[in-house]
Amino acid sequence: MLHYVPVRICVHAVTEGDAVSIEAIIASLDGSTVLRDTIRGQAINAAELGKELGNKMLDQGGRAILAEIM
């Protein structure tokens, strides 16, 4: 059985030439906590940059936000 769980997570990436900028947001359901961070690097490394940013945000409080929801 699947359960719908509203989660406020968004990611936006912009490329310019060979570079990429990735911005991510994780917010608590009530909006009292909002984590926002950006990482920049070579576009060819976008997947690795995204993983790095995601792990950093999880370590900075995102894991606790997600634990409240799950």
PDB file of N, CA and C in Angstrom:
ATOM      1  N   MET A   1       0.831  -1.171   0.000  1.00  0.00           N
ATOM      2  CA  MET A   1       0.000   0.000   0.000  1.00  0.00           C
ATOM      3  C   MET A   1       0.882   1.242   0.000  1.00  0.00           C
ATOM      4  N   LEU A   2       0.605   2.164  -0.870  1.00  0.00           N
ATOM      5  CA  LEU A   2       1.354   3.408  -0.953  1.00  0.00           C
ATOM      6  C   LEU A   2       0.687   4.471  -0.101  1.00  0.00           C
ATOM      7  N   HIS A   3       1.496   5.301   0.529  1.00  0.00           N
ATOM      8  CA  HIS A   3       0.989   6.411   1.336  1.00  0.00           C
ATOM      9  C   HIS A   3       1.519   7.704   0.745  1.00  0.00           C
ATOM     10  N   TYR A   4       0.653   8.679   0.618  1.00  0.00           N
ATOM     11  CA  TYR A   4       1.059   9.996   0.146  1.00  0.00           C
ATOM     12  C   TYR A   4       1.612  10.784   1.323  1.00  0.00           C
ATOM     13  N   VAL A   5       2.831  11.266   1.192  1.00  0.00           N
ATOM     14  CA  VAL A   5       3.453  12.076   2.233  1.00  0.00           C
ATOM     15  C   VAL A   5       3.921  13.372   1.585  1.00  0.00           C
ATOM     16  N   PRO A   6       3.330  14.505   1.991  1.00  0.00           N
ATOM     17  CA  PRO A   6       3.767  15.775   1.397  1.00  0.00           C
ATOM     18  C   PRO A   6       5.156  16.153   1.904  1.00  0.00           C
ATOM     19  N   VAL A   7       6.059  16.393   0.993  1.00  0.00           N
ATOM     20  CA  VAL A   7       7.424  16.758   1.335  1.00  0.00           C
ATOM     21  C   VAL A   7       7.784  18.006   0.551  1.00  0.00           C
ATOM     22  N   ARG A   8       8.408  18.928   1.214  1.00  0.00           N
ATOM     23  CA  ARG A   8       8.820  20.164   0.551  1.00  0.00           C
ATOM     24  C   ARG A   8      10.311  20.098   0.249  1.00  0.00           C
ATOM     25  N   ILE A   9      10.608  19.533  -0.907  1.00  0.00           N
ATOM     26  CA  ILE A   9      11.983  19.432  -1.385  1.00  0.00           C
ATOM     27  C   ILE A   9      11.994  19.933  -2.816  1.00  0.00           C
ATOM     28  N   CYS A  10      12.923  20.798  -3.130  1.00  0.00           N
ATOM     29  CA  CYS A  10      13.031  21.239  -4.522  1.00  0.00           C
ATOM     30  C   CYS A  10      14.497  21.411  -4.889  1.00  0.00           C
ATOM     31  N   VAL A  11      14.750  21.241  -6.162  1.00  0.00           N
ATOM     32  CA  VAL A  11      16.103  21.378  -6.707  1.00  0.00           C
ATOM     33  C   VAL A  11      15.990  22.108  -8.029  1.00  0.00           C
ATOM     34  N   HIS A  12      16.895  23.044  -8.244  1.00  0.00           N
ATOM     35  CA  HIS A  12      16.915  23.796  -9.496  1.00  0.00           C
ATOM     36  C   HIS A  12      18.360  23.880  -9.967  1.00  0.00           C
ATOM     37  N   ALA A  13      18.603  23.532 -11.211  1.00  0.00           N
ATOM     38  CA  ALA A  13      19.957  23.582 -11.769  1.00  0.00           C
ATOM     39  C   ALA A  13      19.971  24.479 -12.999  1.00  0.00           C
ATOM     40  N   VAL A  14      21.043  25.233 -13.130  1.00  0.00           N
ATOM     41  CA  VAL A  14      21.219  26.132 -14.267  1.00  0.00           C
ATOM     42  C   VAL A  14      22.621  25.904 -14.825  1.00  0.00           C
ATOM     43  N   THR A  15      22.692  25.747 -16.130  1.00  0.00           N
ATOM     44  CA  THR A  15      24.004  25.617 -16.769  1.00  0.00           C
ATOM     45  C   THR A  15      24.343  26.907 -17.500  1.00  0.00           C
ATOM     46  N   GLU A  16      25.625  27.197 -17.506  1.00  0.00           N
ATOM     47  CA  GLU A  16      26.139  28.327 -18.264  1.00  0.00           C
ATOM     48  C   GLU A  16      27.491  27.915 -18.814  1.00  0.00           C
ATOM     49  N   GLY A  17      27.521  27.652 -20.105  1.00  0.00           N
ATOM     50  CA  GLY A  17      28.733  27.121 -20.702  1.00  0.00           C
ATOM     51  C   GLY A  17      29.014  25.740 -20.148  1.00  0.00           C
ATOM     52  N   ASP A  18      30.207  25.543 -19.626  1.00  0.00           N
ATOM     53  CA  ASP A  18      30.603  24.255 -19.054  1.00  0.00           C
ATOM     54  C   ASP A  18      30.310  24.155 -17.561  1.00  0.00           C
ATOM     55  N   ALA A  19      29.705  25.194 -16.984  1.00  0.00           N
ATOM     56  CA  ALA A  19      29.471  25.230 -15.540  1.00  0.00           C
ATOM     57  C   ALA A  19      28.007  24.937 -15.213  1.00  0.00           C
ATOM     58  N   VAL A  20      27.781  24.449 -13.990  1.00  0.00           N
ATOM     59  CA  VAL A  20      26.423  24.215 -13.498  1.00  0.00           C
ATOM     60  C   VAL A  20      26.328  24.762 -12.076  1.00  0.00           C
ATOM     61  N   SER A  21      25.173  25.312 -11.771  1.00  0.00           N
ATOM     62  CA  SER A  21      24.861  25.765 -10.425  1.00  0.00           C
ATOM     63  C   SER A  21      23.605  25.020 -10.003  1.00  0.00           C
ATOM     64  N   ILE A  22      23.672  24.337  -8.862  1.00  0.00           N
ATOM     65  CA  ILE A  22      22.549  23.544  -8.363  1.00  0.00           C
ATOM     66  C   ILE A  22      22.132  24.116  -7.011  1.00  0.00           C
ATOM     67  N   GLU A  23      20.858  24.493  -6.902  1.00  0.00           N
ATOM     68  CA  GLU A  23      20.305  24.997  -5.650  1.00  0.00           C
ATOM     69  C   GLU A  23      19.264  24.005  -5.149  1.00  0.00           C
ATOM     70  N   ALA A  24      19.282  23.726  -3.858  1.00  0.00           N
ATOM     71  CA  ALA A  24      18.327  22.784  -3.280  1.00  0.00           C
ATOM     72  C   ALA A  24      17.720  23.371  -2.014  1.00  0.00           C
ATOM     73  N   ILE A  25      16.463  22.979  -1.764  1.00  0.00           N
ATOM     74  CA  ILE A  25      15.744  23.413  -0.578  1.00  0.00           C
ATOM     75  C   ILE A  25      15.047  22.205   0.043  1.00  0.00           C
ATOM     76  N   ILE A  26      15.129  22.087   1.358  1.00  0.00           N
ATOM     77  CA  ILE A  26      14.354  21.112   2.126  1.00  0.00           C
ATOM     78  C   ILE A  26      13.671  21.913   3.228  1.00  0.00           C
ATOM     79  N   ALA A  27      12.345  21.782   3.338  1.00  0.00           N
ATOM     80  CA  ALA A  27      11.602  22.530   4.346  1.00  0.00           C
ATOM     81  C   ALA A  27      10.725  21.591   5.161  1.00  0.00           C
ATOM     82  N   SER A  28      10.586  21.918   6.437  1.00  0.00           N
ATOM     83  CA  SER A  28       9.675  21.155   7.293  1.00  0.00           C
ATOM     84  C   SER A  28       8.247  21.418   6.835  1.00  0.00           C
ATOM     85  N   LEU A  29       7.349  20.522   7.179  1.00  0.00           N
ATOM     86  CA  LEU A  29       5.967  20.651   6.725  1.00  0.00           C
ATOM     87  C   LEU A  29       5.321  21.944   7.187  1.00  0.00           C
ATOM     88  N   ASP A  30       5.649  22.395   8.386  1.00  0.00           N
ATOM     89  CA  ASP A  30       5.034  23.626   8.893  1.00  0.00           C
ATOM     90  C   ASP A  30       5.808  24.879   8.479  1.00  0.00           C
ATOM     91  N   GLY A  31       6.923  24.695   7.768  1.00  0.00           N
ATOM     92  CA  GLY A  31       7.700  25.822   7.270  1.00  0.00           C
ATOM     93  C   GLY A  31       8.588  26.483   8.312  1.00  0.00           C
ATOM     94  N   SER A  32       8.650  25.915   9.516  1.00  0.00           N
ATOM     95  CA  SER A  32       9.458  26.525  10.565  1.00  0.00           C
ATOM     96  C   SER A  32      10.957  26.353  10.339  1.00  0.00           C
ATOM     97  N   THR A  33      11.332  25.338   9.582  1.00  0.00           N
ATOM     98  CA  THR A  33      12.736  25.096   9.249  1.00  0.00           C
ATOM     99  C   THR A  33      12.878  24.991   7.740  1.00  0.00           C
ATOM    100  N   VAL A  34      13.764  25.797   7.189  1.00  0.00           N
ATOM    101  CA  VAL A  34      14.023  25.764   5.753  1.00  0.00           C
ATOM    102  C   VAL A  34      15.535  25.722   5.558  1.00  0.00           C
ATOM    103  N   LEU A  35      15.996  24.686   4.884  1.00  0.00           N
ATOM    104  CA  LEU A  35      17.414  24.552   4.546  1.00  0.00           C
ATOM    105  C   LEU A  35      17.576  24.894   3.075  1.00  0.00           C
ATOM    106  N   ARG A  36      18.560  25.719   2.774  1.00  0.00           N
ATOM    107  CA  ARG A  36      18.802  26.114   1.386  1.00  0.00           C
ATOM    108  C   ARG A  36      20.306  26.185   1.178  1.00  0.00           C
ATOM    109  N   ASP A  37      20.764  25.597   0.068  1.00  0.00           N
ATOM    110  CA  ASP A  37      22.200  25.617  -0.220  1.00  0.00           C
ATOM    111  C   ASP A  37      22.410  25.519  -1.721  1.00  0.00           C
ATOM    112  N   THR A  38      23.581  25.912  -2.164  1.00  0.00           N
ATOM    113  CA  THR A  38      23.937  25.907  -3.578  1.00  0.00           C
ATOM    114  C   THR A  38      25.335  25.336  -3.738  1.00  0.00           C
ATOM    115  N   ILE A  39      25.530  24.623  -4.834  1.00  0.00           N
ATOM    116  CA  ILE A  39      26.863  24.119  -5.182  1.00  0.00           C
ATOM    117  C   ILE A  39      27.103  24.447  -6.647  1.00  0.00           C
ATOM    118  N   ARG A  40      28.349  24.734  -6.983  1.00  0.00           N
ATOM    119  CA  ARG A  40      28.716  25.069  -8.364  1.00  0.00           C
ATOM    120  C   ARG A  40      29.912  24.226  -8.787  1.00  0.00           C
ATOM    121  N   GLY A  41      29.961  23.925 -10.069  1.00  0.00           N
ATOM    122  CA  GLY A  41      31.086  23.161 -10.588  1.00  0.00           C
ATOM    123  C   GLY A  41      30.929  22.934 -12.073  1.00  0.00           C
ATOM    124  N   GLN A  42      31.695  22.008 -12.584  1.00  0.00           N
ATOM    125  CA  GLN A  42      31.645  21.682 -14.006  1.00  0.00           C
ATOM    126  C   GLN A  42      30.383  20.873 -14.302  1.00  0.00           C
ATOM    127  N   ALA A  43      29.699  21.231 -15.372  1.00  0.00           N
ATOM    128  CA  ALA A  43      28.445  20.564 -15.735  1.00  0.00           C
ATOM    129  C   ALA A  43      28.641  19.065 -15.941  1.00  0.00           C
ATOM    130  N   ILE A  44      29.797  18.656 -16.403  1.00  0.00           N
ATOM    131  CA  ILE A  44      30.058  17.231 -16.631  1.00  0.00           C
ATOM    132  C   ILE A  44      30.005  16.446 -15.315  1.00  0.00           C
ATOM    133  N   ASN A  45      30.172  17.146 -14.187  1.00  0.00           N
ATOM    134  CA  ASN A  45      30.146  16.516 -12.859  1.00  0.00           C
ATOM    135  C   ASN A  45      28.828  16.755 -12.130  1.00  0.00           C
ATOM    136  N   ALA A  46      27.766  17.087 -12.847  1.00  0.00           N
ATOM    137  CA  ALA A  46      26.497  17.476 -12.226  1.00  0.00           C
ATOM    138  C   ALA A  46      25.948  16.401 -11.281  1.00  0.00           C
ATOM    139  N   ALA A  47      25.993  15.146 -11.667  1.00  0.00           N
ATOM    140  CA  ALA A  47      25.449  14.077 -10.817  1.00  0.00           C
ATOM    141  C   ALA A  47      26.218  13.996  -9.501  1.00  0.00           C
ATOM    142  N   GLU A  48      27.536  14.072  -9.550  1.00  0.00           N
ATOM    143  CA  GLU A  48      28.340  14.010  -8.336  1.00  0.00           C
ATOM    144  C   GLU A  48      28.103  15.246  -7.474  1.00  0.00           C
ATOM    145  N   LEU A  49      27.986  16.410  -8.112  1.00  0.00           N
ATOM    146  CA  LEU A  49      27.713  17.638  -7.372  1.00  0.00           C
ATOM    147  C   LEU A  49      26.361  17.555  -6.669  1.00  0.00           C
ATOM    148  N   GLY A  50      25.364  17.007  -7.354  1.00  0.00           N
ATOM    149  CA  GLY A  50      24.040  16.848  -6.765  1.00  0.00           C
ATOM    150  C   GLY A  50      24.067  15.937  -5.550  1.00  0.00           C
ATOM    151  N   LYS A  51      24.801  14.834  -5.651  1.00  0.00           N
ATOM    152  CA  LYS A  51      24.936  13.918  -4.508  1.00  0.00           C
ATOM    153  C   LYS A  51      25.638  14.604  -3.341  1.00  0.00           C
ATOM    154  N   GLU A  52      26.679  15.350  -3.646  1.00  0.00           N
ATOM    155  CA  GLU A  52      27.424  16.069  -2.605  1.00  0.00           C
ATOM    156  C   GLU A  52      26.518  17.078  -1.898  1.00  0.00           C
ATOM    157  N   LEU A  53      25.754  17.831  -2.674  1.00  0.00           N
ATOM    158  CA  LEU A  53      24.848  18.817  -2.104  1.00  0.00           C
ATOM    159  C   LEU A  53      23.765  18.140  -1.266  1.00  0.00           C
ATOM    160  N   GLY A  54      23.195  17.069  -1.778  1.00  0.00           N
ATOM    161  CA  GLY A  54      22.165  16.341  -1.049  1.00  0.00           C
ATOM    162  C   GLY A  54      22.677  15.797   0.276  1.00  0.00           C
ATOM    163  N   ASN A  55      23.840  15.195   0.263  1.00  0.00           N
ATOM    164  CA  ASN A  55      24.426  14.659   1.505  1.00  0.00           C
ATOM    165  C   ASN A  55      24.732  15.772   2.502  1.00  0.00           C
ATOM    166  N   LYS A  56      25.229  16.895   2.002  1.00  0.00           N
ATOM    167  CA  LYS A  56      25.528  18.030   2.870  1.00  0.00           C
ATOM    168  C   LYS A  56      24.249  18.530   3.539  1.00  0.00           C
ATOM    169  N   MET A  57      23.164  18.632   2.761  1.00  0.00           N
ATOM    170  CA  MET A  57      21.907  19.119   3.319  1.00  0.00           C
ATOM    171  C   MET A  57      21.304  18.128   4.312  1.00  0.00           C
ATOM    172  N   LEU A  58      21.437  16.840   4.029  1.00  0.00           N
ATOM    173  CA  LEU A  58      20.969  15.837   4.986  1.00  0.00           C
ATOM    174  C   LEU A  58      21.711  15.967   6.303  1.00  0.00           C
ATOM    175  N   ASP A  59      23.024  16.165   6.238  1.00  0.00           N
ATOM    176  CA  ASP A  59      23.844  16.300   7.435  1.00  0.00           C
ATOM    177  C   ASP A  59      23.555  17.588   8.201  1.00  0.00           C
ATOM    178  N   GLN A  60      23.076  18.626   7.507  1.00  0.00           N
ATOM    179  CA  GLN A  60      22.830  19.922   8.147  1.00  0.00           C
ATOM    180  C   GLN A  60      21.392  20.070   8.651  1.00  0.00           C
ATOM    181  N   GLY A  61      20.665  18.965   8.741  1.00  0.00           N
ATOM    182  CA  GLY A  61      19.327  19.032   9.301  1.00  0.00           C
ATOM    183  C   GLY A  61      18.232  18.424   8.435  1.00  0.00           C
ATOM    184  N   GLY A  62      18.547  18.157   7.189  1.00  0.00           N
ATOM    185  CA  GLY A  62      17.550  17.566   6.287  1.00  0.00           C
ATOM    186  C   GLY A  62      17.105  16.184   6.720  1.00  0.00           C
ATOM    187  N   ARG A  63      18.031  15.419   7.270  1.00  0.00           N
ATOM    188  CA  ARG A  63      17.708  14.065   7.734  1.00  0.00           C
ATOM    189  C   ARG A  63      16.652  14.133   8.852  1.00  0.00           C
ATOM    190  N   ALA A  64      16.791  15.110   9.748  1.00  0.00           N
ATOM    191  CA  ALA A  64      15.830  15.259  10.848  1.00  0.00           C
ATOM    192  C   ALA A  64      14.455  15.668  10.318  1.00  0.00           C
ATOM    193  N   ILE A  65      14.427  16.537   9.313  1.00  0.00           N
ATOM    194  CA  ILE A  65      13.158  16.951   8.700  1.00  0.00           C
ATOM    195  C   ILE A  65      12.473  15.734   8.082  1.00  0.00           C
ATOM    196  N   LEU A  66      13.219  14.954   7.332  1.00  0.00           N
ATOM    197  CA  LEU A  66      12.649  13.781   6.682  1.00  0.00           C
ATOM    198  C   LEU A  66      12.209  12.722   7.700  1.00  0.00           C
ATOM    199  N   ALA A  67      12.954  12.599   8.798  1.00  0.00           N
ATOM    200  CA  ALA A  67      12.597  11.622   9.838  1.00  0.00           C
ATOM    201  C   ALA A  67      11.247  11.970  10.474  1.00  0.00           C
ATOM    202  N   GLU A  68      10.942  13.258  10.603  1.00  0.00           N
ATOM    203  CA  GLU A  68       9.658  13.676  11.153  1.00  0.00           C
ATOM    204  C   GLU A  68       8.496  13.270  10.248  1.00  0.00           C
ATOM    205  N   ILE A  69       8.750  13.249   8.960  1.00  0.00           N
ATOM    206  CA  ILE A  69       7.694  12.960   7.975  1.00  0.00           C
ATOM    207  C   ILE A  69       7.487  11.468   7.820  1.00  0.00           C
ATOM    208  N   MET A  70       8.559  10.698   7.863  1.00  0.00           N
ATOM    209  CA  MET A  70       8.472   9.258   7.581  1.00  0.00           C
ATOM    210  C   MET A  70       7.933   8.475   8.740  1.00  0.00           C
TER     211      MET A  70
END
